[in-house]
Protein backbone atom coordinates (compact mmCIF):
# COMPACT_ATOMS: atom_id res chain seq x y z
CA UNK A 1 105.17 100.41 31.43
CA UNK A 2 102.47 97.83 31.98
CA UNK A 3 104.75 95.86 34.28
CA UNK A 4 105.40 99.04 36.28
CA UNK A 5 101.65 99.70 36.62
CA UNK A 6 101.02 96.16 37.84
CA UNK A 7 103.80 96.52 40.41
CA UNK A 8 102.32 99.78 41.69
CA UNK A 9 98.88 98.22 41.84
CA UNK A 10 100.15 95.23 43.79
CA UNK A 11 102.00 97.56 46.19
CA UNK A 12 98.83 99.64 46.72
CA UNK A 13 96.71 96.55 47.36
CA UNK A 14 99.29 95.25 49.88
CA UNK A 15 99.23 98.56 51.75
CA UNK A 16 95.43 98.50 51.91
CA UNK A 17 95.40 94.95 53.23
CA UNK A 18 98.12 95.67 55.76
CA UNK A 19 96.25 98.78 56.85
CA UNK A 20 93.25 96.62 57.68
CA UNK A 21 95.03 93.55 59.06
CA UNK A 22 97.75 95.11 61.26
CA UNK A 23 95.37 97.16 63.47
CA UNK A 24 93.20 94.05 63.89
CA UNK A 25 96.20 91.98 64.94
CA UNK A 26 97.32 94.72 67.34
CA UNK A 27 93.82 94.86 68.84
CA UNK A 28 93.82 91.08 69.33
CA UNK A 29 97.24 91.24 70.98
CA UNK A 30 96.10 93.99 73.34
CA UNK A 31 92.94 92.08 74.13
CA UNK A 32 94.86 88.89 74.85
CA UNK A 33 97.42 90.59 77.13
CA UNK A 34 96.41 90.21 80.78
CA UNK A 35 95.45 93.43 82.54
CA UNK A 36 97.62 94.52 85.46
CA UNK A 37 96.33 93.72 88.92
CA UNK A 38 95.65 96.68 91.22
CA UNK A 39 97.69 96.37 94.44
CA UNK A 40 96.84 98.55 97.44
CA UNK A 41 99.02 99.12 100.49
CA UNK A 42 96.57 99.96 103.26
CA UNK A 43 97.40 101.14 106.79
CA UNK A 44 95.01 101.09 109.77
CA UNK A 45 96.05 104.13 111.81
CA UNK A 46 95.22 103.72 115.49
CA UNK A 47 96.58 103.52 119.03
CA UNK A 48 96.31 100.54 121.33
CA UNK A 49 93.82 101.04 124.17
CA UNK A 50 96.74 101.42 126.59
CA UNK A 51 98.97 103.20 124.09
CA UNK A 52 99.35 106.65 122.60
CA UNK A 53 99.61 108.24 119.15
CA UNK A 54 103.22 109.20 119.90
CA UNK A 55 104.19 105.54 120.11
CA UNK A 56 101.55 103.69 118.07
CA UNK A 57 100.98 106.14 115.22
CA UNK A 58 104.19 108.17 114.92
CA UNK A 59 106.54 105.47 116.24
CA UNK A 60 108.32 107.84 118.61
CA UNK A 61 110.18 106.87 121.78
CA UNK A 62 112.80 108.60 123.98
CA UNK A 63 115.44 105.99 123.18
CA UNK A 64 114.83 106.07 119.42
CA UNK A 65 116.47 108.86 117.37
CA UNK A 66 114.14 108.23 114.40
CA UNK A 67 110.42 107.71 113.95
CA UNK A 68 109.13 104.27 113.02
CA UNK A 69 105.47 105.02 112.35
CA UNK A 70 103.33 106.37 109.53
CA UNK A 71 105.96 108.94 108.58
CA UNK A 72 108.46 106.19 107.84
CA UNK A 73 105.83 104.28 105.88
CA UNK A 74 105.13 107.32 103.72
CA UNK A 75 108.88 107.82 103.22
CA UNK A 76 109.23 104.28 101.87
CA UNK A 77 106.23 104.60 99.57
CA UNK A 78 107.35 108.01 98.31
CA UNK A 79 110.88 106.77 97.61
CA UNK A 80 109.47 104.31 95.08
CA UNK A 81 106.89 106.68 93.60
CA UNK A 82 103.89 104.99 95.23
CA UNK A 83 101.12 106.15 97.55
CA UNK A 84 99.35 104.36 100.37
CA UNK A 85 95.85 104.40 101.82
CA UNK A 86 95.71 105.39 105.50
CA UNK A 87 92.47 104.52 107.31
CA UNK A 88 92.49 106.75 110.40
CA UNK A 89 90.56 105.92 113.57
CA UNK A 90 89.47 109.45 114.45
CA UNK A 91 87.19 108.05 117.18
CA UNK A 92 90.08 107.90 119.65
CA UNK A 93 90.05 111.73 119.78
CA UNK A 94 88.35 111.77 123.24
CA UNK A 95 91.28 109.66 124.54
CA UNK A 96 94.20 110.96 122.49
CA UNK A 97 93.07 114.54 121.89
CA UNK A 98 91.23 116.10 118.96
CA UNK A 99 94.22 118.28 118.00
CA UNK A 100 96.46 115.21 117.94
CA UNK A 101 94.19 113.23 115.62
CA UNK A 102 93.56 116.27 113.43
CA UNK A 103 97.32 116.62 112.97
CA UNK A 104 97.59 112.96 111.94
CA UNK A 105 94.95 113.51 109.25
CA UNK A 106 96.49 116.73 108.00
CA UNK A 107 99.99 115.26 107.67
CA UNK A 108 98.79 112.24 105.70
CA UNK A 109 96.82 114.42 103.30
CA UNK A 110 99.52 117.09 102.95
CA UNK A 111 102.03 114.45 101.89
CA UNK A 112 99.76 113.33 99.06
CA UNK A 113 98.68 110.02 100.52
CA UNK A 114 95.11 108.77 100.64
CA UNK A 115 93.29 109.67 103.87
CA UNK A 116 90.24 107.51 104.62
CA UNK A 117 88.11 106.40 107.61
CA UNK A 118 88.74 103.61 110.12
CA UNK A 119 86.16 102.83 112.81
CA UNK A 120 86.85 101.83 116.41
CA UNK A 121 83.91 103.91 117.71
CA UNK A 122 84.14 102.95 121.41
CA UNK A 123 85.94 106.00 122.88
CA UNK A 124 83.47 108.37 121.18
CA UNK A 125 80.23 106.36 121.21
CA UNK A 126 80.67 104.10 124.23
CA UNK A 127 81.97 100.57 124.87
CA UNK A 128 78.66 99.12 123.68
CA UNK A 129 79.64 100.18 120.16
CA UNK A 130 83.30 99.18 120.25
CA UNK A 131 82.83 97.45 116.87
CA UNK A 132 80.61 98.42 113.97
CA UNK A 133 78.72 95.13 113.73
CA UNK A 134 77.50 95.61 117.31
CA UNK A 135 75.44 98.63 116.21
CA UNK A 136 72.25 98.75 114.15
CA UNK A 137 71.99 100.49 110.80
CA UNK A 138 70.94 103.86 112.24
CA UNK A 139 73.82 103.93 114.75
CA UNK A 140 76.38 102.78 112.17
CA UNK A 141 75.21 105.58 109.86
CA UNK A 142 75.59 108.07 112.71
CA UNK A 143 79.10 106.80 113.46
CA UNK A 144 80.22 107.05 109.83
CA UNK A 145 78.72 110.50 109.34
CA UNK A 146 80.53 111.83 112.42
CA UNK A 147 83.83 110.38 111.26
CA UNK A 148 83.46 111.76 107.74
CA UNK A 149 82.52 115.18 109.13
CA UNK A 150 85.61 115.37 111.33
CA UNK A 151 88.00 114.36 108.54
CA UNK A 152 86.40 116.97 106.30
CA UNK A 153 86.72 119.58 109.05
CA UNK A 154 90.31 118.73 109.95
CA UNK A 155 91.87 118.02 106.55
CA UNK A 156 89.34 119.21 103.97
CA UNK A 157 89.01 115.68 102.58
CA UNK A 158 85.77 113.99 101.56
CA UNK A 159 85.95 110.37 102.66
CA UNK A 160 85.25 107.82 99.93
CA UNK A 161 86.44 104.61 101.65
CA UNK A 162 85.97 102.86 105.00
CA UNK A 163 87.36 99.92 106.93
CA UNK A 164 85.81 98.71 110.17
CA UNK A 165 88.08 98.11 113.14
CA UNK A 166 88.85 94.43 113.58
CA UNK A 167 87.10 93.84 110.21
CA UNK A 168 83.99 93.64 112.42
CA UNK A 169 81.39 94.69 109.88
CA UNK A 170 78.10 93.33 108.55
CA UNK A 171 75.69 94.03 105.72
CA UNK A 172 74.32 97.03 107.65
CA UNK A 173 77.83 98.52 107.45
CA UNK A 174 77.64 98.49 103.67
CA UNK A 175 74.21 100.12 103.78
CA UNK A 176 75.48 102.71 106.27
CA UNK A 177 78.32 103.53 103.88
CA UNK A 178 75.79 104.14 101.13
CA UNK A 179 73.69 106.37 103.41
CA UNK A 180 76.82 108.36 104.29
CA UNK A 181 78.07 108.76 100.72
CA UNK A 182 81.06 106.45 101.25
CA UNK A 183 81.22 104.27 98.17
CA UNK A 184 84.17 101.91 98.81
CA UNK A 185 84.21 99.36 101.66
CA UNK A 186 87.36 97.49 102.76
CA UNK A 187 86.12 95.49 105.77
CA UNK A 188 85.44 92.10 104.14
CA UNK A 189 88.10 89.60 105.25
CA UNK A 190 87.58 85.85 104.83
CA UNK A 191 90.64 85.23 106.99
CA UNK A 192 89.06 86.85 110.06
CA UNK A 193 86.42 84.47 111.49
CA UNK A 194 84.91 87.01 113.91
CA UNK A 195 83.67 89.26 111.10
CA UNK A 196 79.98 88.93 110.22
CA UNK A 197 80.74 89.85 106.60
CA UNK A 198 83.00 86.80 106.32
CA UNK A 199 80.02 84.56 107.12
CA UNK A 200 77.71 86.04 104.48
CA UNK A 201 78.86 83.81 101.62
CA UNK A 202 80.31 86.72 99.67
CA UNK A 203 83.37 86.53 97.42
CA UNK A 204 86.73 85.39 98.75
CA UNK A 205 89.10 87.83 97.02
CA UNK A 206 87.16 89.39 94.16
CA UNK A 207 85.78 92.92 94.53
CA UNK A 208 82.00 93.11 94.26
CA UNK A 209 79.29 95.76 94.24
CA UNK A 210 76.41 95.68 96.72
CA UNK A 211 73.73 98.37 96.92
CA UNK A 212 75.92 100.73 94.89
CA UNK A 213 78.95 100.29 97.17
CA UNK A 214 82.21 98.80 95.87
CA UNK A 215 83.41 96.19 98.37
CA UNK A 216 87.12 95.30 98.14
CA UNK A 217 88.18 92.30 100.26
CA UNK A 218 91.40 92.15 102.22
CA UNK A 219 93.36 89.55 100.27
CA UNK A 220 93.34 86.07 101.83
CA UNK A 221 95.21 82.87 101.03
CA UNK A 222 95.58 79.30 102.24
CA UNK A 223 98.95 78.80 103.91
CA UNK A 224 98.47 75.07 104.58
CA UNK A 225 95.81 72.42 104.10
CA UNK A 226 95.16 68.75 104.79
CA UNK A 227 92.03 67.13 103.39
CA UNK A 228 89.09 69.44 104.05
CA UNK A 229 91.03 71.43 106.68
CA UNK A 230 92.72 74.62 105.61
CA UNK A 231 94.66 77.28 107.49
CA UNK A 232 93.94 80.76 106.12
CA UNK A 233 95.86 84.01 106.39
CA UNK A 234 95.47 87.45 104.90
CA UNK A 235 98.16 89.66 103.39
CA UNK A 236 99.65 91.49 106.35
CA UNK A 237 103.34 92.30 106.09
CA UNK A 238 103.82 91.62 109.78
CA UNK A 239 102.70 88.00 109.39
CA UNK A 240 103.21 87.21 105.68
CA UNK A 241 106.69 86.81 104.23
CA UNK A 242 107.71 88.78 101.10
CA UNK A 243 107.81 85.49 99.19
CA UNK A 244 104.23 84.69 100.22
CA UNK A 245 102.96 88.16 99.28
CA UNK A 246 104.60 88.01 95.85
CA UNK A 247 103.29 84.51 95.16
CA UNK A 248 99.75 85.40 96.22
CA UNK A 249 99.67 88.52 94.04
CA UNK A 250 101.13 86.63 91.06
CA UNK A 251 98.57 83.82 91.46
CA UNK A 252 95.70 86.28 91.73
CA UNK A 253 96.86 88.04 88.57
CA UNK A 254 97.27 84.76 86.68
CA UNK A 255 93.73 83.75 87.66
CA UNK A 256 92.08 87.03 86.69
CA UNK A 257 91.42 88.60 90.11
CA UNK A 258 91.50 92.38 89.78
CA UNK A 259 92.71 93.56 93.20
CA UNK A 260 95.14 92.61 95.96
CA UNK A 261 94.98 94.41 99.31
CA UNK A 262 98.03 94.37 101.60
CA UNK A 263 97.58 95.23 105.29
CA UNK A 264 99.70 97.21 107.74
CA UNK A 265 99.03 99.02 111.01
CA UNK A 266 100.50 102.32 112.06
CA UNK A 267 102.43 100.39 114.72
CA UNK A 268 103.66 97.61 112.39
CA UNK A 269 107.23 99.01 112.50
CA UNK A 270 107.14 99.75 116.24
CA UNK A 271 104.81 97.32 117.99
CA UNK A 272 104.59 98.03 121.73
CA UNK A 273 107.67 100.21 121.52
CA UNK A 274 109.89 97.53 119.97
CA UNK A 275 111.39 98.16 116.54
CA UNK A 276 110.63 95.66 113.78
CA UNK A 277 113.26 96.31 111.12
CA UNK A 278 112.21 93.14 109.31
CA UNK A 279 108.76 94.61 108.67
CA UNK A 280 110.22 97.91 107.44
CA UNK A 281 112.49 96.01 105.04
CA UNK A 282 109.55 93.90 103.86
CA UNK A 283 107.51 96.98 102.92
CA UNK A 284 110.50 98.52 101.15
CA UNK A 285 111.15 95.32 99.19
CA UNK A 286 107.52 94.78 98.21
CA UNK A 287 106.80 98.35 97.12
CA UNK A 288 109.99 98.46 95.02
CA UNK A 289 109.16 95.12 93.39
CA UNK A 290 105.53 95.88 92.63
CA UNK A 291 106.23 99.35 91.24
CA UNK A 292 108.72 97.78 88.80
CA UNK A 293 106.39 94.88 87.85
CA UNK A 294 104.50 95.45 84.56
CA UNK A 295 101.76 93.11 85.78
CA UNK A 296 101.04 95.31 88.80
CA UNK A 297 99.65 98.80 89.24
CA UNK A 298 100.00 100.21 92.77
CA UNK A 299 96.98 102.40 93.54
CA UNK A 300 95.17 103.94 96.49
CA UNK A 301 91.55 103.39 97.53
CA UNK A 302 90.62 106.75 96.05
CA UNK A 303 92.31 105.94 92.75
CA UNK A 304 90.54 102.58 92.65
CA UNK A 305 87.25 104.36 93.23
CA UNK A 306 87.95 106.69 90.30
CA UNK A 307 88.87 103.73 88.08
CA UNK A 308 85.62 101.96 89.00
CA UNK A 309 83.53 105.11 88.59
CA UNK A 310 84.97 105.73 85.11
CA UNK A 311 84.50 102.08 84.05
CA UNK A 312 82.31 99.81 86.23
CA UNK A 313 83.67 96.77 84.35
CA UNK A 314 87.31 97.58 85.11
CA UNK A 315 87.25 95.52 88.31
CA UNK A 316 85.15 92.65 86.98
CA UNK A 317 87.12 89.42 87.07
CA UNK A 318 87.21 86.00 88.62
CA UNK A 319 87.35 84.95 92.26
CA UNK A 320 90.23 82.81 93.46
CA UNK A 321 91.90 81.73 96.71
CA UNK A 322 95.69 81.19 96.32
CA UNK A 323 97.65 78.59 98.25
CA UNK A 324 101.22 79.19 99.40
CA UNK A 325 101.73 75.73 100.91
CA UNK A 326 103.58 74.04 103.74
CA UNK A 327 107.07 74.80 102.43
CA UNK A 328 106.63 78.59 102.44
CA UNK A 329 105.03 78.36 105.89
CA UNK A 330 108.05 76.39 107.12
CA UNK A 331 110.53 78.85 105.58
CA UNK A 332 108.66 81.79 107.15
CA UNK A 333 108.99 80.18 110.59
CA UNK A 334 112.76 79.89 110.20
CA UNK A 335 112.96 83.55 109.14
CA UNK A 336 111.23 84.55 112.40
CA UNK A 337 112.67 82.28 115.04
CA UNK A 338 112.95 85.12 117.55
CA UNK A 339 109.35 86.25 117.17
CA UNK A 340 107.28 83.87 119.27
CA UNK A 341 106.95 80.24 120.30
CA UNK A 342 104.81 79.27 117.30
CA UNK A 343 107.66 79.98 114.90
CA UNK A 344 110.00 77.86 117.06
CA UNK A 345 107.47 75.01 117.11
CA UNK A 346 106.93 75.10 113.33
CA UNK A 347 110.65 75.43 112.54
CA UNK A 348 111.93 72.70 114.85
CA UNK A 349 108.86 70.44 114.82
CA UNK A 350 109.61 68.59 111.54
CA UNK A 351 113.33 67.90 112.20
CA UNK A 352 112.60 66.80 115.78
CA UNK A 353 109.82 64.53 114.50
CA UNK A 354 112.18 63.13 111.84
CA UNK A 355 114.88 62.45 114.42
CA UNK A 356 112.36 60.67 116.65
CA UNK A 357 111.08 58.55 113.75
CA UNK A 358 114.58 57.60 112.60
CA UNK A 359 115.74 57.00 116.16
CA UNK A 360 112.68 54.88 116.88
CA UNK A 361 113.29 52.87 113.70
CA UNK A 362 116.92 52.22 114.66
CA UNK A 363 115.91 51.06 118.14
CA UNK A 364 113.24 48.73 116.74
CA UNK A 365 115.71 47.19 114.25
CA UNK A 366 118.30 46.58 116.97
CA UNK A 367 115.72 44.89 119.17
CA UNK A 368 114.67 42.62 116.29
CA UNK A 369 118.29 41.64 115.64
CA UNK A 370 118.80 40.79 119.29
CA UNK A 371 115.69 38.61 119.29
CA UNK A 372 116.90 36.80 116.15
CA UNK A 373 120.32 36.15 117.74
CA UNK A 374 118.73 34.82 120.90
CA UNK A 375 116.41 32.60 118.87
CA UNK A 376 119.36 31.31 116.80
CA UNK A 377 121.36 30.55 119.95
């Protein structure tokens, strides 16, 4: 009887201890597990100055039975259960037609994707204000307010995020966003040297808050370096290979950066009327891979805003600039041999250089042998 009581007592004590220790261990495990990185697929929706929405936004052409524009992009995202952020340049309405741009906004929103504001103000506000950083604070605020009003009127959507055309933004742009009630800014891009924001000494890839506005950089990386020189790129699926995008996102996650922003344009699949199946396949591959990756959470700008609003510390992390290296740059050039002279130069440059070096070495050795024979004779 006594032995039975001791056994019960020992069992009860063990349960109490386990009840205290196991939750603590679980909490430590959860705390130690790295948080997923938020990946955003963002599309700048616009027409070239000499183009049209039919071609540059919808990807339509008489000789093409299918569309290769924003509709196809939404199809790819939807197929994998993801949503994209579409920054629409409504300021081309005087050129393209207000009804046309209103339809673009309505379709994006009706399909459940994130509709936000992109600014190439020139057609509406004059060539003097073709880029945001060319305007003062008052004019930038006026530009943003007009854009937000039209999107609200056309699609019933309150804009929460903005990206300046050409990434041409400055600190006044952030203040203008605050004045307009736009609380997420996506113009900062360290890989675009013409942007004033890139010269302000801000973060490289880490999101930051300035004057109550969440600023989310377009993700940049070093593709090649030599000494103090470095060649930078940003994540754009037209110019970055799938391997580079995956490596950059993985490195950012491993180093505690909270966001990765991937770029597209509405004409990325159909640039100047020419189909780019490689770019379509790249988007399909990346979205599928990131949706299945437990270390990644694919979100929109609006969802990121809600995450930040619910927990201001959710996006606090480190700042880091990944490097993909010479080998990935070389492989990318071979993948794109038919897409410009630079790819040809990068792909064939090293083997041609190697052949010249080896050939030169052979010639020099033969000349030395001849001299030795002549000297011996």
